[in-house]
Protein backbone atom coordinates (compact mmCIF):
# COMPACT_ATOMS: atom_id res chain seq x y z
CA MET A 1 3.15 25.38 37.56
CA GLY A 2 6.11 26.27 35.50
CA GLY A 3 7.56 26.51 32.05
CA PHE A 4 8.79 23.70 29.92
CA SER A 5 12.22 22.65 28.81
CA ALA A 6 12.99 20.02 26.24
CA LYS A 7 16.74 20.49 26.43
CA GLY A 8 18.91 17.45 26.06
CA ARG A 9 17.22 16.23 22.88
CA GLU A 10 19.43 14.47 20.41
CA SER A 11 19.40 15.65 16.82
CA ASN A 12 18.73 13.07 14.18
CA SER A 13 19.75 13.62 10.60
CA GLU A 14 16.64 11.85 9.30
CA VAL A 15 14.48 14.21 7.31
CA SER A 16 10.96 13.45 6.24
CA GLY A 17 8.92 15.50 3.81
CA TRP A 18 5.27 16.32 4.45
CA GLY A 19 3.84 18.59 1.85
CA SER A 20 6.43 20.95 0.45
CA LYS A 21 8.26 21.43 3.73
CA ALA A 22 10.71 18.89 5.15
CA LEU A 23 10.68 18.30 8.89
CA LYS A 24 13.96 17.77 10.69
CA LYS A 25 13.36 15.20 13.40
CA THR A 26 14.70 15.29 16.92
CA ALA A 27 15.09 12.10 18.95
CA PHE A 28 13.17 12.58 22.19
CA THR A 29 14.81 10.12 24.56
CA THR A 30 11.88 10.00 27.01
CA PRO A 31 8.13 10.59 26.74
CA GLN A 32 8.53 13.40 29.29
CA GLU A 33 10.98 15.13 26.95
CA ALA A 34 8.48 14.85 24.08
CA GLU A 35 5.74 16.23 26.33
CA ALA A 36 7.87 19.18 27.41
CA ALA A 37 8.58 19.95 23.74
CA PHE A 38 4.83 19.73 22.95
CA TYR A 39 3.91 22.33 25.58
CA GLU A 40 6.88 24.57 24.68
CA ALA A 41 5.71 24.59 21.06
CA LEU A 42 2.13 25.30 22.19
CA GLU A 43 3.21 28.30 24.28
CA ARG A 44 5.42 29.66 21.47
CA ALA A 45 2.80 28.92 18.77
CA ASP A 46 5.59 27.20 16.82
CA LEU A 47 4.06 24.89 14.21
CA GLU A 48 7.31 23.23 13.12
CA ALA A 49 8.31 22.47 16.71
CA MET A 50 4.78 21.22 17.44
CA MET A 51 4.76 18.82 14.51
CA GLU A 52 8.23 17.56 15.36
CA VAL A 53 6.70 16.02 18.49
CA TRP A 54 3.96 14.17 16.58
CA SER A 55 4.40 10.76 15.01
CA GLU A 56 4.06 10.85 11.24
CA ASP A 57 1.73 7.85 11.48
CA GLU A 58 -1.60 8.38 9.74
CA GLU A 59 -3.33 6.98 12.84
CA VAL A 60 -2.49 9.99 15.03
CA SER A 61 -5.46 11.79 16.61
CA CYS A 62 -6.05 15.15 18.20
CA ILE A 63 -9.22 16.23 19.96
CA HIS A 64 -9.46 19.77 21.34
CA PRO A 65 -12.08 20.65 23.97
CA GLY A 66 -15.48 20.74 22.27
CA GLY A 67 -13.95 19.95 18.89
CA PRO A 68 -14.16 17.05 16.46
CA ARG A 69 -11.70 14.17 16.28
CA LEU A 70 -8.88 15.05 13.90
CA ALA A 71 -7.26 11.98 12.35
CA GLY A 72 -4.01 11.75 10.45
CA PHE A 73 -0.89 13.86 10.36
CA ALA A 74 -2.20 16.31 7.72
CA GLN A 75 -5.43 17.11 9.61
CA VAL A 76 -3.60 17.52 12.91
CA ARG A 77 -1.00 19.80 11.32
CA GLU A 78 -3.62 21.96 9.57
CA ASN A 79 -5.58 22.39 12.79
CA TRP A 80 -2.53 23.47 14.79
CA ALA A 81 -1.65 25.89 11.98
CA GLN A 82 -5.12 27.47 12.27
CA ILE A 83 -4.87 27.71 16.05
CA PHE A 84 -1.45 29.37 15.89
CA LYS A 85 -2.56 31.82 13.17
CA SER A 86 -5.32 33.10 15.48
CA GLY A 87 -2.69 35.12 17.35
CA GLN A 88 -3.95 33.91 20.74
CA ARG A 89 -1.05 33.02 23.06
CA LEU A 90 -1.26 30.58 25.94
CA LYS A 91 0.66 30.02 29.14
CA VAL A 92 0.24 26.40 30.25
CA GLY A 93 1.08 24.87 33.60
CA LEU A 94 0.63 21.16 34.24
CA SER A 95 -0.75 19.58 37.38
CA ASP A 96 -2.26 16.33 38.65
CA GLN A 97 -0.08 14.27 36.32
CA VAL A 98 -0.52 10.51 36.27
CA ILE A 99 1.77 8.52 33.97
CA PHE A 100 1.48 4.88 32.92
CA SER A 101 4.58 3.74 31.04
CA GLY A 102 5.72 0.60 29.32
CA MET A 103 8.57 -0.25 26.98
CA THR A 104 6.97 1.26 23.87
CA TYR A 105 3.97 3.32 25.05
CA SER A 106 3.41 5.99 27.67
CA VAL A 107 -0.01 7.35 28.66
CA HIS A 108 -0.12 10.71 30.44
CA SER A 109 -3.28 11.98 32.16
CA LEU A 110 -3.01 15.54 33.44
CA HIS A 111 -4.61 18.92 33.96
CA GLU A 112 -3.57 21.79 31.70
CA ASN A 113 -3.92 25.04 33.65
CA ILE A 114 -4.26 27.48 30.78
CA LEU A 115 -3.96 31.24 30.89
CA VAL A 116 -4.95 32.96 27.65
CA ARG A 117 -2.63 35.93 27.32
CA SER A 118 -4.17 39.15 26.18
CA GLY A 119 -2.48 42.32 24.98
CA ARG A 120 -3.70 44.13 28.09
CA GLY A 121 -2.21 41.94 30.80
CA GLU A 122 -3.67 38.74 32.18
CA GLY A 123 -6.47 36.99 30.36
CA ALA A 124 -8.94 34.18 30.90
CA HIS A 125 -8.03 31.05 32.84
CA SER A 126 -9.32 27.54 32.20
CA ILE A 127 -8.51 23.98 33.15
CA VAL A 128 -8.41 21.30 30.47
CA ILE A 129 -8.23 17.62 31.37
CA ALA A 130 -5.83 16.05 28.88
CA THR A 131 -4.62 12.63 27.86
CA ASN A 132 -1.42 12.38 25.83
CA ILE A 133 -0.19 9.08 24.42
CA TYR A 134 3.40 8.61 23.24
CA GLN A 135 4.98 5.75 21.31
CA ARG A 136 8.62 4.80 21.24
CA SER A 137 9.99 4.37 17.74
CA GLY A 138 13.38 4.09 16.10
CA ASN A 139 13.44 7.90 16.13
CA GLY A 140 12.63 8.39 19.82
CA TRP A 141 9.30 9.05 21.54
CA ARG A 142 6.48 10.60 19.49
CA MET A 143 2.95 11.74 20.28
CA LEU A 144 0.13 9.58 18.93
CA LEU A 145 -2.82 11.24 20.67
CA HIS A 146 -3.69 14.48 22.40
CA HIS A 147 -7.21 14.58 23.81
CA GLY A 148 -8.38 17.63 25.76
CA SER A 149 -11.73 18.07 27.51
CA HIS A 150 -13.08 21.02 29.44
CA SER A 151 -12.95 20.44 33.16
CA PRO A 152 -16.41 20.28 34.71
CA ALA A 153 -17.38 22.96 37.21
CA PRO A 154 -15.74 22.34 40.58
CA VAL A 155 -17.81 20.28 42.96
CA VAL A 156 -18.91 22.16 46.05
CA ARG A 157 -18.43 19.90 49.03
CA ARG A 158 -20.59 20.41 52.05
CA GLU A 159 -19.99 18.81 55.37
CA LEU A 160 -22.98 16.66 56.25
CA PRO A 161 -24.00 16.36 59.87
CA LEU A 162 -23.22 13.00 61.45
CA GLU A 163 -26.94 12.49 61.98
CA ALA A 164 -29.71 13.82 59.86
CA PRO A 165 -31.76 16.41 61.75
CA LYS A 166 -34.99 15.06 63.15
CA VAL A 167 -37.92 17.02 61.86
CA LEU A 168 -41.43 16.43 63.02
CA HIS A 169 -44.42 17.84 61.21
C-alpha cells in the first residue's frame, strides 16, 4: 500500500465552466494516471482536483458504500463537496487490483484499504470493494463511474478432516 502520484499529466488549455467556477482540464494519458489523480484528490480532500478526473458527461455515476446512486456531474460534485467539508481525512492504499482495458474504456476492480485519520493518531480501518470505469476522450482518460461497497466480514476457513468422523448413537 502506498501513496499516489499522477505526475506526468499533460496540461490542456481547454476550460469548461460548471456553475460559476471554470475547471481547467488535464489530459490523463492513461486510465492508471486518472486513477492515481482520483485517489490523490481523495486523500487531500481537494474538490477541484477530484472533479478534474471526472468526465463532464451527465451520465456519470458515483455510489458510496451504503449510499444512493448519484447521477450526473452536478450531483457527484455536490456529494464530494459535502464529504470533503466534513473534515474527515483518509489514507487510501489499493490492493487486489484487476484491470480490463480496451481502446476507449478501462474497468478497474480493486480493494480500497482505508484508514480514517483522526486528530489523535491512527483511526478506524475499513476495506471497500470498488469498481472504477474510465473512458478515453479527446481530452484524455476520465472517470465515468466510481462504485464502492463495504467488504463483507472475512470468511473464517476451517480445515475439514479428509473423512467425516463416524459417530454412532
